[in-house]
Amino acid sequence: MPLSKVLIGPRIPAPTDGWSYAGISVLMFAATLLAALAFAVVADTVVLKPLQRLLRNVDLPRKGRL
């Protein structure tokens, strides 16, 4: 049994025809896409921006500089 059916099975009625199944599939895809987008925004804000700020303050030797 798929994990999605175990987690949300009681809340979503079982699809009775192809259109219902397609609709639920589209909704699940949209929910997954939104979750991935939210995760990317949070990761960028919480991890990457402070790390970039920290690395900008560290003076690294660059090529062409003595």
N, C-alpha and C. Protein backbone atom coordinates (compact mmCIF):
# COMPACT_ATOMS: atom_id res chain seq x y z
N MET A 1 0.85 -1.19 0.00
CA MET A 1 0.00 0.00 0.00
C MET A 1 0.89 1.25 0.00
N PRO A 2 0.61 2.23 -0.86
CA PRO A 2 1.44 3.44 -0.91
C PRO A 2 1.37 4.22 0.39
N LEU A 3 2.48 4.88 0.72
CA LEU A 3 2.55 5.65 1.96
C LEU A 3 1.53 6.78 1.96
N SER A 4 1.30 7.39 0.80
CA SER A 4 0.34 8.49 0.74
C SER A 4 -1.06 8.00 1.10
N LYS A 5 -1.39 6.78 0.71
CA LYS A 5 -2.71 6.22 1.03
C LYS A 5 -2.81 5.93 2.52
N VAL A 6 -1.70 5.51 3.12
CA VAL A 6 -1.72 5.23 4.56
C VAL A 6 -1.88 6.53 5.34
N LEU A 7 -1.18 7.59 4.91
CA LEU A 7 -1.19 8.85 5.65
C LEU A 7 -2.49 9.63 5.47
N ILE A 8 -2.98 9.72 4.24
CA ILE A 8 -4.15 10.56 3.98
C ILE A 8 -5.35 9.75 3.52
N GLY A 9 -5.22 8.44 3.51
CA GLY A 9 -6.31 7.59 3.03
C GLY A 9 -7.65 7.83 3.70
N PRO A 10 -7.67 7.93 5.04
CA PRO A 10 -8.97 8.13 5.70
C PRO A 10 -9.61 9.48 5.37
N ARG A 11 -8.82 10.46 4.97
CA ARG A 11 -9.36 11.80 4.73
C ARG A 11 -9.84 12.01 3.29
N ILE A 12 -9.28 11.28 2.36
CA ILE A 12 -9.66 11.44 0.95
C ILE A 12 -10.42 10.19 0.50
N PRO A 13 -11.59 10.38 -0.06
CA PRO A 13 -12.33 9.19 -0.53
C PRO A 13 -11.60 8.51 -1.68
N ALA A 14 -11.76 7.22 -1.76
CA ALA A 14 -11.11 6.46 -2.83
C ALA A 14 -11.70 6.88 -4.16
N PRO A 15 -10.86 7.10 -5.17
CA PRO A 15 -11.39 7.50 -6.48
C PRO A 15 -12.24 6.40 -7.09
N THR A 16 -13.36 6.80 -7.65
CA THR A 16 -14.28 5.81 -8.21
C THR A 16 -14.11 5.67 -9.71
N ASP A 17 -13.58 6.70 -10.38
CA ASP A 17 -13.38 6.60 -11.82
C ASP A 17 -12.05 7.27 -12.19
N GLY A 18 -11.74 7.27 -13.47
CA GLY A 18 -10.47 7.80 -13.93
C GLY A 18 -10.30 9.28 -13.66
N TRP A 19 -11.38 10.06 -13.78
CA TRP A 19 -11.28 11.50 -13.56
C TRP A 19 -10.99 11.82 -12.11
N SER A 20 -11.60 11.09 -11.20
CA SER A 20 -11.34 11.31 -9.77
C SER A 20 -9.89 10.98 -9.45
N TYR A 21 -9.42 9.88 -10.02
CA TYR A 21 -8.03 9.48 -9.78
C TYR A 21 -7.07 10.52 -10.35
N ALA A 22 -7.38 11.03 -11.54
CA ALA A 22 -6.53 12.06 -12.15
C ALA A 22 -6.55 13.34 -11.32
N GLY A 23 -7.72 13.71 -10.83
CA GLY A 23 -7.83 14.92 -10.00
C GLY A 23 -7.02 14.81 -8.72
N ILE A 24 -7.12 13.66 -8.06
CA ILE A 24 -6.35 13.45 -6.83
C ILE A 24 -4.86 13.44 -7.14
N SER A 25 -4.48 12.84 -8.26
CA SER A 25 -3.06 12.82 -8.64
C SER A 25 -2.53 14.23 -8.88
N VAL A 26 -3.33 15.06 -9.56
CA VAL A 26 -2.91 16.45 -9.81
C VAL A 26 -2.80 17.21 -8.50
N LEU A 27 -3.75 17.00 -7.59
CA LEU A 27 -3.69 17.67 -6.29
C LEU A 27 -2.46 17.25 -5.49
N MET A 28 -2.15 15.96 -5.52
CA MET A 28 -0.98 15.47 -4.79
C MET A 28 0.30 16.04 -5.40
N PHE A 29 0.35 16.13 -6.73
CA PHE A 29 1.52 16.70 -7.39
C PHE A 29 1.68 18.17 -7.01
N ALA A 30 0.58 18.91 -7.01
CA ALA A 30 0.63 20.33 -6.65
C ALA A 30 1.07 20.50 -5.20
N ALA A 31 0.57 19.65 -4.31
CA ALA A 31 0.97 19.73 -2.90
C ALA A 31 2.45 19.43 -2.73
N THR A 32 2.95 18.44 -3.46
CA THR A 32 4.37 18.10 -3.39
C THR A 32 5.23 19.24 -3.94
N LEU A 33 4.79 19.84 -5.03
CA LEU A 33 5.53 20.96 -5.63
C LEU A 33 5.58 22.15 -4.68
N LEU A 34 4.45 22.46 -4.04
CA LEU A 34 4.42 23.57 -3.09
C LEU A 34 5.29 23.29 -1.88
N ALA A 35 5.29 22.04 -1.40
CA ALA A 35 6.13 21.68 -0.27
C ALA A 35 7.61 21.81 -0.62
N ALA A 36 7.98 21.39 -1.83
CA ALA A 36 9.38 21.51 -2.26
C ALA A 36 9.78 22.98 -2.39
N LEU A 37 8.89 23.80 -2.91
CA LEU A 37 9.17 25.23 -3.04
C LEU A 37 9.33 25.88 -1.67
N ALA A 38 8.44 25.53 -0.74
CA ALA A 38 8.54 26.07 0.61
C ALA A 38 9.85 25.64 1.27
N PHE A 39 10.22 24.38 1.09
CA PHE A 39 11.48 23.88 1.65
C PHE A 39 12.67 24.63 1.07
N ALA A 40 12.65 24.89 -0.23
CA ALA A 40 13.75 25.60 -0.88
C ALA A 40 13.86 27.03 -0.35
N VAL A 41 12.74 27.70 -0.18
CA VAL A 41 12.75 29.08 0.33
C VAL A 41 13.27 29.12 1.76
N VAL A 42 12.80 28.18 2.59
CA VAL A 42 13.25 28.14 3.99
C VAL A 42 14.74 27.82 4.05
N ALA A 43 15.19 26.85 3.26
CA ALA A 43 16.61 26.48 3.27
C ALA A 43 17.47 27.65 2.81
N ASP A 44 17.01 28.37 1.81
CA ASP A 44 17.77 29.52 1.31
C ASP A 44 17.86 30.60 2.38
N THR A 45 16.75 30.87 3.04
CA THR A 45 16.71 31.94 4.04
C THR A 45 17.47 31.57 5.30
N VAL A 46 17.29 30.34 5.77
CA VAL A 46 17.84 29.94 7.06
C VAL A 46 19.30 29.52 6.96
N VAL A 47 19.67 28.84 5.87
CA VAL A 47 21.02 28.26 5.78
C VAL A 47 21.91 29.03 4.81
N LEU A 48 21.47 29.20 3.59
CA LEU A 48 22.37 29.70 2.55
C LEU A 48 22.69 31.18 2.69
N LYS A 49 21.70 32.01 3.01
CA LYS A 49 21.96 33.45 3.13
C LYS A 49 22.94 33.75 4.27
N PRO A 50 22.75 33.22 5.49
CA PRO A 50 23.73 33.47 6.55
C PRO A 50 25.11 32.91 6.21
N LEU A 51 25.17 31.77 5.55
CA LEU A 51 26.45 31.18 5.17
C LEU A 51 27.16 32.07 4.15
N GLN A 52 26.41 32.59 3.20
CA GLN A 52 26.99 33.49 2.20
C GLN A 52 27.50 34.77 2.87
N ARG A 53 26.75 35.29 3.83
CA ARG A 53 27.16 36.49 4.55
C ARG A 53 28.44 36.22 5.35
N LEU A 54 28.50 35.05 5.98
CA LEU A 54 29.68 34.67 6.76
C LEU A 54 30.91 34.53 5.87
N LEU A 55 30.72 33.87 4.72
CA LEU A 55 31.86 33.67 3.81
C LEU A 55 32.31 34.98 3.17
N ARG A 56 31.41 35.92 3.00
CA ARG A 56 31.78 37.21 2.42
C ARG A 56 32.69 37.98 3.38
N ASN A 57 32.49 37.79 4.69
CA ASN A 57 33.30 38.48 5.68
C ASN A 57 34.69 37.86 5.82
N VAL A 58 34.85 36.59 5.44
CA VAL A 58 36.15 35.94 5.52
C VAL A 58 36.95 36.35 4.30
N ASP A 59 38.14 36.86 4.51
CA ASP A 59 38.97 37.33 3.39
C ASP A 59 39.76 36.17 2.82
N LEU A 60 39.28 35.61 1.72
CA LEU A 60 39.96 34.49 1.09
C LEU A 60 40.96 35.01 0.07
N PRO A 61 42.13 34.38 -0.02
CA PRO A 61 43.09 34.80 -1.06
C PRO A 61 42.54 34.49 -2.44
N ARG A 62 42.58 35.48 -3.33
CA ARG A 62 42.06 35.30 -4.68
C ARG A 62 43.20 35.19 -5.67
N LYS A 63 42.92 34.58 -6.80
CA LYS A 63 43.93 34.47 -7.87
C LYS A 63 44.27 35.87 -8.38
N GLY A 64 45.55 36.09 -8.67
CA GLY A 64 45.97 37.37 -9.19
C GLY A 64 46.34 38.36 -8.11
N ARG A 65 46.07 38.01 -6.86
CA ARG A 65 46.41 38.88 -5.74
C ARG A 65 47.64 38.34 -5.04
N LEU A 66 48.53 39.21 -4.62
CA LEU A 66 49.72 38.78 -3.87
C LEU A 66 49.60 39.16 -2.43
